[in-house]
Amino acid sequence: MKQDLIIEVDENNKIIGLRPREDFYEGKIIHRGVHLMLFNSKKEIAIMKRSSGKRWYPNLYTFSVSGTVDNETTQECIVRETKEEVGLELKPRELFTFRHSDKQDNAFATLFFAIDDSKTTLDKEEITQVDWVKLDWLKTDMENHPEKYTYTMLEGMKVYWDKYGTKLPN
């Protein structure tokens, strides 16, 4: 079985090398992650509920697609993860990179954006539910019920709200 190796980075997001996935589980070592905000033509965003078997943030809502970067670029990773997690072949646009750190995860996360109306095919080991919601509803729900969301999504959306408000990126 192939060992899952992930890029370790330093405090400046410079690559140190590759390490086994398990090394990152305590949130002490920094890695790179990717996340996708997937919208449909009705300007609704897909939020995904993570499965109970996930090591990081089980049963919480998160971005449409999330992944850790192995020996690849963030763009390559988001394309691969989008195909694996929701069955779509997209070329998402990079929005920004943000830093987040808690007891479970410590990463520089790059947020991507795409609009697509294709039917998603969910990987049930990754995702148990998908909800399509408006950004203004999501902002209110995250403020009123932060416990429903991953720390990563809460932190990433703070940056998003500051840059774009409840509008889609240009």
Protein backbone atom coordinates (compact mmCIF):
# COMPACT_ATOMS: atom_id res chain seq x y z
CA MET A 1 0.00 0.00 0.00
CA LYS A 2 1.31 3.43 -0.99
CA GLN A 3 2.10 5.65 1.98
CA ASP A 4 0.30 8.99 1.91
CA LEU A 5 3.00 11.70 1.98
CA ILE A 6 2.12 15.34 2.52
CA ILE A 7 4.17 18.51 2.04
CA GLU A 8 5.52 19.96 5.27
CA VAL A 9 6.13 23.72 5.24
CA ASP A 10 7.64 26.22 7.65
CA GLU A 11 6.08 29.35 9.19
CA ASN A 12 6.69 31.18 5.87
CA ASN A 13 5.00 28.46 3.77
CA LYS A 14 8.37 27.29 2.37
CA ILE A 15 8.62 23.57 1.63
CA ILE A 16 10.64 21.51 4.10
CA GLY A 17 9.87 18.10 2.62
CA LEU A 18 7.39 15.23 2.59
CA ARG A 19 6.09 13.47 5.72
CA PRO A 20 3.53 10.71 6.38
CA ARG A 21 -0.04 11.97 6.84
CA GLU A 22 -0.11 10.66 10.42
CA ASP A 23 2.65 13.11 11.43
CA PHE A 24 0.20 15.99 10.96
CA TYR A 25 -2.65 14.67 13.13
CA GLU A 26 -1.68 16.54 16.29
CA GLY A 27 -1.67 19.97 14.61
CA LYS A 28 1.97 20.64 15.51
CA ILE A 29 3.49 20.36 12.02
CA ILE A 30 2.43 22.74 9.25
CA HIS A 31 1.21 21.46 5.88
CA ARG A 32 -0.53 22.84 2.81
CA GLY A 33 -4.22 22.34 2.18
CA VAL A 34 -6.67 23.22 -0.56
CA HIS A 35 -10.37 24.03 -0.45
CA LEU A 36 -12.96 24.71 -3.12
CA MET A 37 -15.97 26.99 -3.01
CA LEU A 38 -18.23 25.36 -5.61
CA PHE A 39 -21.16 27.45 -6.77
CA ASN A 40 -23.99 26.72 -9.17
CA SER A 41 -25.50 29.19 -11.64
CA LYS A 42 -28.11 30.17 -9.01
CA LYS A 43 -25.21 31.59 -6.96
CA GLU A 44 -25.60 28.89 -4.31
CA ILE A 45 -22.53 27.37 -2.67
CA ALA A 46 -22.24 23.67 -1.91
CA ILE A 47 -21.33 22.98 1.71
CA MET A 48 -20.36 19.43 2.57
CA LYS A 49 -20.85 17.54 5.80
CA ARG A 50 -17.77 15.44 6.52
CA SER A 51 -18.27 11.76 7.27
CA SER A 52 -18.01 10.41 10.81
CA GLY A 53 -14.91 8.43 9.79
CA LYS A 54 -12.81 11.50 8.95
CA ARG A 55 -9.78 12.09 11.21
CA TRP A 56 -10.01 15.86 10.92
CA TYR A 57 -13.37 17.46 11.85
CA PRO A 58 -15.79 14.50 11.56
CA ASN A 59 -19.50 15.34 11.10
CA LEU A 60 -18.88 19.05 10.53
CA TYR A 61 -19.69 21.18 7.50
CA THR A 62 -16.83 22.40 5.38
CA PHE A 63 -15.99 23.72 1.93
CA SER A 64 -17.25 21.93 -1.19
CA VAL A 65 -13.91 20.12 -1.52
CA SER A 66 -10.99 19.91 0.93
CA GLY A 67 -7.65 18.17 0.66
CA THR A 68 -4.05 18.00 1.76
CA VAL A 69 -1.28 18.64 -0.73
CA ASP A 70 1.09 15.78 -1.41
CA ASN A 71 4.02 16.10 -3.83
CA GLU A 72 2.14 18.46 -6.19
CA THR A 73 1.10 22.08 -6.64
CA THR A 74 -2.02 23.42 -4.97
CA GLN A 75 -3.67 23.70 -8.42
CA GLU A 76 -2.91 20.05 -9.20
CA CYS A 77 -4.20 19.06 -5.77
CA ILE A 78 -7.53 20.90 -6.06
CA VAL A 79 -8.16 19.39 -9.53
CA ARG A 80 -7.40 15.88 -8.16
CA GLU A 81 -9.45 16.33 -4.98
CA THR A 82 -12.43 17.76 -6.89
CA LYS A 83 -12.48 14.69 -9.13
CA GLU A 84 -12.07 12.30 -6.15
CA GLU A 85 -14.54 13.94 -3.74
CA VAL A 86 -17.36 15.18 -5.99
CA GLY A 87 -16.65 13.54 -9.36
CA LEU A 88 -16.15 16.77 -11.30
CA GLU A 89 -13.34 17.68 -13.67
CA LEU A 90 -12.89 21.41 -13.16
CA LYS A 91 -10.11 23.96 -13.34
CA PRO A 92 -10.91 26.15 -10.32
CA ARG A 93 -9.54 29.67 -9.97
CA GLU A 94 -7.31 30.47 -6.99
CA LEU A 95 -8.68 33.17 -4.67
CA PHE A 96 -6.20 33.42 -1.77
CA THR A 97 -4.13 31.51 0.79
CA PHE A 98 -4.83 31.82 4.51
CA ARG A 99 -3.25 30.38 7.63
CA HIS A 100 -5.19 28.42 10.25
CA SER A 101 -4.09 26.46 13.28
CA ASP A 102 -5.90 24.61 16.04
CA LYS A 103 -5.46 21.33 17.99
CA GLN A 104 -6.46 19.26 14.94
CA ASP A 105 -4.92 21.03 11.98
CA ASN A 106 -2.12 23.47 11.16
CA ALA A 107 -1.94 24.63 7.58
CA PHE A 108 -1.57 27.21 4.88
CA ALA A 109 -4.81 26.67 2.99
CA THR A 110 -5.42 27.88 -0.53
CA LEU A 111 -9.04 28.63 -1.37
CA PHE A 112 -10.28 28.08 -4.92
CA PHE A 113 -13.50 29.05 -6.67
CA ALA A 114 -15.58 27.46 -9.45
CA ILE A 115 -19.10 27.67 -10.87
CA ASP A 116 -20.58 24.48 -12.30
CA ASP A 117 -24.07 22.99 -12.63
CA SER A 118 -22.98 19.41 -13.25
CA LYS A 119 -24.33 16.72 -10.96
CA THR A 120 -21.87 15.85 -8.22
CA THR A 121 -20.99 12.27 -7.33
CA LEU A 122 -20.13 12.21 -3.63
CA ASP A 123 -17.44 10.01 -2.12
CA LYS A 124 -19.41 8.63 0.86
CA GLU A 125 -16.19 7.95 2.79
CA GLU A 126 -15.50 11.69 2.65
CA ILE A 127 -18.93 13.35 2.60
CA THR A 128 -22.31 12.35 4.00
CA GLN A 129 -24.40 15.33 2.96
CA VAL A 130 -24.35 18.30 0.58
CA ASP A 131 -26.45 21.44 0.99
CA TRP A 132 -26.72 24.24 -1.56
CA VAL A 133 -27.10 27.59 0.23
CA LYS A 134 -26.84 31.31 -0.48
CA LEU A 135 -23.79 33.15 0.82
CA ASP A 136 -25.83 35.51 2.99
CA TRP A 137 -27.57 32.52 4.63
CA LEU A 138 -24.19 30.85 5.18
CA LYS A 139 -22.72 33.96 6.80
CA THR A 140 -25.64 34.21 9.23
CA ASP A 141 -25.60 30.48 10.01
CA MET A 142 -21.85 30.49 10.64
CA GLU A 143 -22.24 33.43 13.02
CA ASN A 144 -25.16 31.81 14.88
CA HIS A 145 -23.94 28.18 14.81
CA PRO A 146 -20.13 28.08 14.46
CA GLU A 147 -20.05 24.63 16.11
CA LYS A 148 -21.53 23.14 12.89
CA TYR A 149 -18.47 24.12 10.82
CA THR A 150 -14.82 23.14 10.60
CA TYR A 151 -12.34 25.58 12.07
CA THR A 152 -10.75 25.76 8.64
CA MET A 153 -13.99 26.90 7.02
CA LEU A 154 -14.69 29.45 9.77
CA GLU A 155 -11.22 30.97 9.33
CA GLY A 156 -11.27 30.87 5.52
CA MET A 157 -14.71 32.44 5.33
CA LYS A 158 -13.61 35.31 7.60
CA VAL A 159 -11.03 36.19 4.94
CA TYR A 160 -13.61 35.67 2.18
CA TRP A 161 -16.19 37.96 3.87
CA ASP A 162 -13.51 40.68 4.26
CA LYS A 163 -12.54 40.47 0.57
CA TYR A 164 -15.89 39.78 -1.14
CA GLY A 165 -18.71 40.16 1.39
CA THR A 166 -21.65 37.97 0.38
CA LYS A 167 -20.93 38.37 -3.35
CA LEU A 168 -19.20 35.96 -5.71
CA PRO A 169 -15.63 36.85 -6.73
CA ASN A 170 -15.29 38.81 -9.99
